[in-house]
Amino acid sequence: MVNSNMLLARIKQLRNELNVQQRQIADAIGVDAPMYSRIERGIRPFRDEYIVPIADILHVEEEELRSLWTADKIINVTKDESTLVAQRALHLANSEMKTNSQE
């Protein structure tokens, strides 16, 4: 099973651009370096609680990382559906979010 990992790709890109070591991110999120390496490679799950400290250390907006994380989850949930079904589901969800934000 291949999961979408736009978030992890972006984190790795930023980490490399800023010369931030995996060990530094591991320390920031409270795991050891080998565990962080597995997280960054998509072997271990990425947790919501990692977003803020990683955004801080990589000098990126939390919303950017959270948006990528959410997009990855949506893609992974809909990957076995046809494109038409996935697009309809996204349209319905978007309509529902707009309705809920107006209440």
C-alpha atoms as a PDB file:
ATOM      1  CA  MET A   1       0.000   0.000   0.000  1.00  0.00           C
ATOM      2  CA  VAL A   2       1.483   3.323  -1.073  1.00  0.00           C
ATOM      3  CA  ASN A   3       0.228   6.335   0.828  1.00  0.00           C
ATOM      4  CA  SER A   4       0.302   9.915  -0.328  1.00  0.00           C
ATOM      5  CA  ASN A   5       3.064  11.749   1.536  1.00  0.00           C
ATOM      6  CA  MET A   6       3.076  15.315   0.282  1.00  0.00           C
ATOM      7  CA  LEU A   7       3.586  16.452   3.873  1.00  0.00           C
ATOM      8  CA  LEU A   8       6.630  14.258   4.439  1.00  0.00           C
ATOM      9  CA  ALA A   9       8.136  15.290   1.109  1.00  0.00           C
ATOM     10  CA  ARG A  10       7.713  18.969   2.047  1.00  0.00           C
ATOM     11  CA  ILE A  11       9.223  18.450   5.488  1.00  0.00           C
ATOM     12  CA  LYS A  12      12.226  16.669   3.987  1.00  0.00           C
ATOM     13  CA  GLN A  13      12.624  19.408   1.356  1.00  0.00           C
ATOM     14  CA  LEU A  14      12.567  22.166   3.985  1.00  0.00           C
ATOM     15  CA  ARG A  15      14.841  20.211   6.304  1.00  0.00           C
ATOM     16  CA  ASN A  16      17.414  19.789   3.540  1.00  0.00           C
ATOM     17  CA  GLU A  17      17.161  23.432   2.404  1.00  0.00           C
ATOM     18  CA  LEU A  18      17.707  24.647   5.974  1.00  0.00           C
ATOM     19  CA  ASN A  19      20.350  22.039   6.808  1.00  0.00           C
ATOM     20  CA  VAL A  20      18.285  20.772   9.720  1.00  0.00           C
ATOM     21  CA  GLN A  21      19.309  17.314  10.866  1.00  0.00           C
ATOM     22  CA  GLN A  22      16.754  14.576  11.477  1.00  0.00           C
ATOM     23  CA  ARG A  23      18.070  14.432  15.058  1.00  0.00           C
ATOM     24  CA  GLN A  24      16.999  18.060  15.611  1.00  0.00           C
ATOM     25  CA  ILE A  25      13.453  17.357  14.482  1.00  0.00           C
ATOM     26  CA  ALA A  26      13.415  14.130  16.488  1.00  0.00           C
ATOM     27  CA  ASP A  27      14.341  16.102  19.620  1.00  0.00           C
ATOM     28  CA  ALA A  28      11.654  18.704  18.875  1.00  0.00           C
ATOM     29  CA  ILE A  29       8.892  16.083  18.632  1.00  0.00           C
ATOM     30  CA  GLY A  30      10.153  13.885  21.458  1.00  0.00           C
ATOM     31  CA  VAL A  31      11.302  10.772  19.593  1.00  0.00           C
ATOM     32  CA  ASP A  32      14.718   9.299  18.902  1.00  0.00           C
ATOM     33  CA  ALA A  33      16.453   9.851  15.556  1.00  0.00           C
ATOM     34  CA  PRO A  34      15.834   6.325  14.172  1.00  0.00           C
ATOM     35  CA  MET A  35      12.111   6.679  14.942  1.00  0.00           C
ATOM     36  CA  TYR A  36      11.986  10.079  13.241  1.00  0.00           C
ATOM     37  CA  SER A  37      13.730   8.597  10.196  1.00  0.00           C
ATOM     38  CA  ARG A  38      10.964   5.976   9.998  1.00  0.00           C
ATOM     39  CA  ILE A  39       8.317   8.707  10.330  1.00  0.00           C
ATOM     40  CA  GLU A  40       9.877  10.801   7.558  1.00  0.00           C
ATOM     41  CA  ARG A  41      10.043   7.748   5.282  1.00  0.00           C
ATOM     42  CA  GLY A  42       6.377   6.985   5.933  1.00  0.00           C
ATOM     43  CA  ILE A  43       7.081   3.726   7.754  1.00  0.00           C
ATOM     44  CA  ARG A  44       5.706   5.004  11.075  1.00  0.00           C
ATOM     45  CA  PRO A  45       2.604   7.192  11.325  1.00  0.00           C
ATOM     46  CA  PHE A  46       2.834  10.961  11.433  1.00  0.00           C
ATOM     47  CA  ARG A  47       0.882  12.455  14.346  1.00  0.00           C
ATOM     48  CA  ASP A  48      -1.018  15.700  14.582  1.00  0.00           C
ATOM     49  CA  GLU A  49       1.038  16.697  17.609  1.00  0.00           C
ATOM     50  CA  TYR A  50       4.200  16.834  15.453  1.00  0.00           C
ATOM     51  CA  ILE A  51       2.931  19.655  13.246  1.00  0.00           C
ATOM     52  CA  VAL A  52       3.540  22.648  15.531  1.00  0.00           C
ATOM     53  CA  PRO A  53       7.096  21.789  16.650  1.00  0.00           C
ATOM     54  CA  ILE A  54       8.123  20.865  13.113  1.00  0.00           C
ATOM     55  CA  ALA A  55       6.614  24.070  11.720  1.00  0.00           C
ATOM     56  CA  ASP A  56       8.558  26.028  14.335  1.00  0.00           C
ATOM     57  CA  ILE A  57      11.915  24.387  13.643  1.00  0.00           C
ATOM     58  CA  LEU A  58      11.483  24.641   9.849  1.00  0.00           C
ATOM     59  CA  HIS A  59      10.158  28.228   9.954  1.00  0.00           C
ATOM     60  CA  VAL A  60       7.008  27.394   8.014  1.00  0.00           C
ATOM     61  CA  GLU A  61       3.372  28.196   8.728  1.00  0.00           C
ATOM     62  CA  GLU A  62       1.531  25.546  10.707  1.00  0.00           C
ATOM     63  CA  GLU A  63      -1.376  25.847   8.254  1.00  0.00           C
ATOM     64  CA  GLU A  64       0.843  24.789   5.337  1.00  0.00           C
ATOM     65  CA  LEU A  65       1.865  21.569   7.067  1.00  0.00           C
ATOM     66  CA  ARG A  66      -1.637  20.923   8.406  1.00  0.00           C
ATOM     67  CA  SER A  67      -3.107  21.439   4.913  1.00  0.00           C
ATOM     68  CA  LEU A  68      -0.652  18.972   3.386  1.00  0.00           C
ATOM     69  CA  TRP A  69      -1.358  16.453   6.163  1.00  0.00           C
ATOM     70  CA  THR A  70      -5.110  16.772   5.616  1.00  0.00           C
ATOM     71  CA  ALA A  71      -4.715  16.483   1.821  1.00  0.00           C
ATOM     72  CA  ASP A  72      -2.662  13.307   2.300  1.00  0.00           C
ATOM     73  CA  LYS A  73      -5.391  11.834   4.502  1.00  0.00           C
ATOM     74  CA  ILE A  74      -8.091  12.679   1.940  1.00  0.00           C
ATOM     75  CA  ILE A  75      -6.081  11.124  -0.892  1.00  0.00           C
ATOM     76  CA  ASN A  76      -5.394   7.998   1.140  1.00  0.00           C
ATOM     77  CA  VAL A  77      -9.081   7.595   2.041  1.00  0.00           C
ATOM     78  CA  THR A  78     -10.259   8.017  -1.562  1.00  0.00           C
ATOM     79  CA  LYS A  79      -7.434   6.201  -3.393  1.00  0.00           C
ATOM     80  CA  ASP A  80      -9.495   3.064  -3.993  1.00  0.00           C
ATOM     81  CA  GLU A  81     -12.456   5.001  -5.400  1.00  0.00           C
ATOM     82  CA  SER A  82     -12.925   6.068  -8.990  1.00  0.00           C
ATOM     83  CA  THR A  83     -11.925   9.618  -9.806  1.00  0.00           C
ATOM     84  CA  LEU A  84     -15.585  10.503 -10.310  1.00  0.00           C
ATOM     85  CA  VAL A  85     -16.622   9.176  -6.894  1.00  0.00           C
ATOM     86  CA  ALA A  86     -13.670  10.868  -5.174  1.00  0.00           C
ATOM     87  CA  GLN A  87     -14.425  14.210  -6.865  1.00  0.00           C
ATOM     88  CA  ARG A  88     -18.118  13.981  -5.965  1.00  0.00           C
ATOM     89  CA  ALA A  89     -17.229  13.178  -2.366  1.00  0.00           C
ATOM     90  CA  LEU A  90     -14.900  16.208  -2.226  1.00  0.00           C
ATOM     91  CA  HIS A  91     -17.620  18.405  -3.733  1.00  0.00           C
ATOM     92  CA  LEU A  92     -20.143  17.199  -1.155  1.00  0.00           C
ATOM     93  CA  ALA A  93     -17.691  17.703   1.695  1.00  0.00           C
ATOM     94  CA  ASN A  94     -16.857  21.199   0.444  1.00  0.00           C
ATOM     95  CA  SER A  95     -20.552  22.093   0.249  1.00  0.00           C
ATOM     96  CA  GLU A  96     -21.101  20.787   3.777  1.00  0.00           C
ATOM     97  CA  MET A  97     -18.142  22.778   5.109  1.00  0.00           C
ATOM     98  CA  LYS A  98     -19.525  25.945   3.523  1.00  0.00           C
ATOM     99  CA  THR A  99     -22.951  25.288   5.041  1.00  0.00           C
ATOM    100  CA  ASN A 100     -21.453  24.646   8.487  1.00  0.00           C
ATOM    101  CA  SER A 101     -19.287  27.779   8.365  1.00  0.00           C
ATOM    102  CA  GLN A 102     -22.358  29.942   7.705  1.00  0.00           C
ATOM    103  CA  GLU A 103     -24.188  28.650  10.777  1.00  0.00           C
END
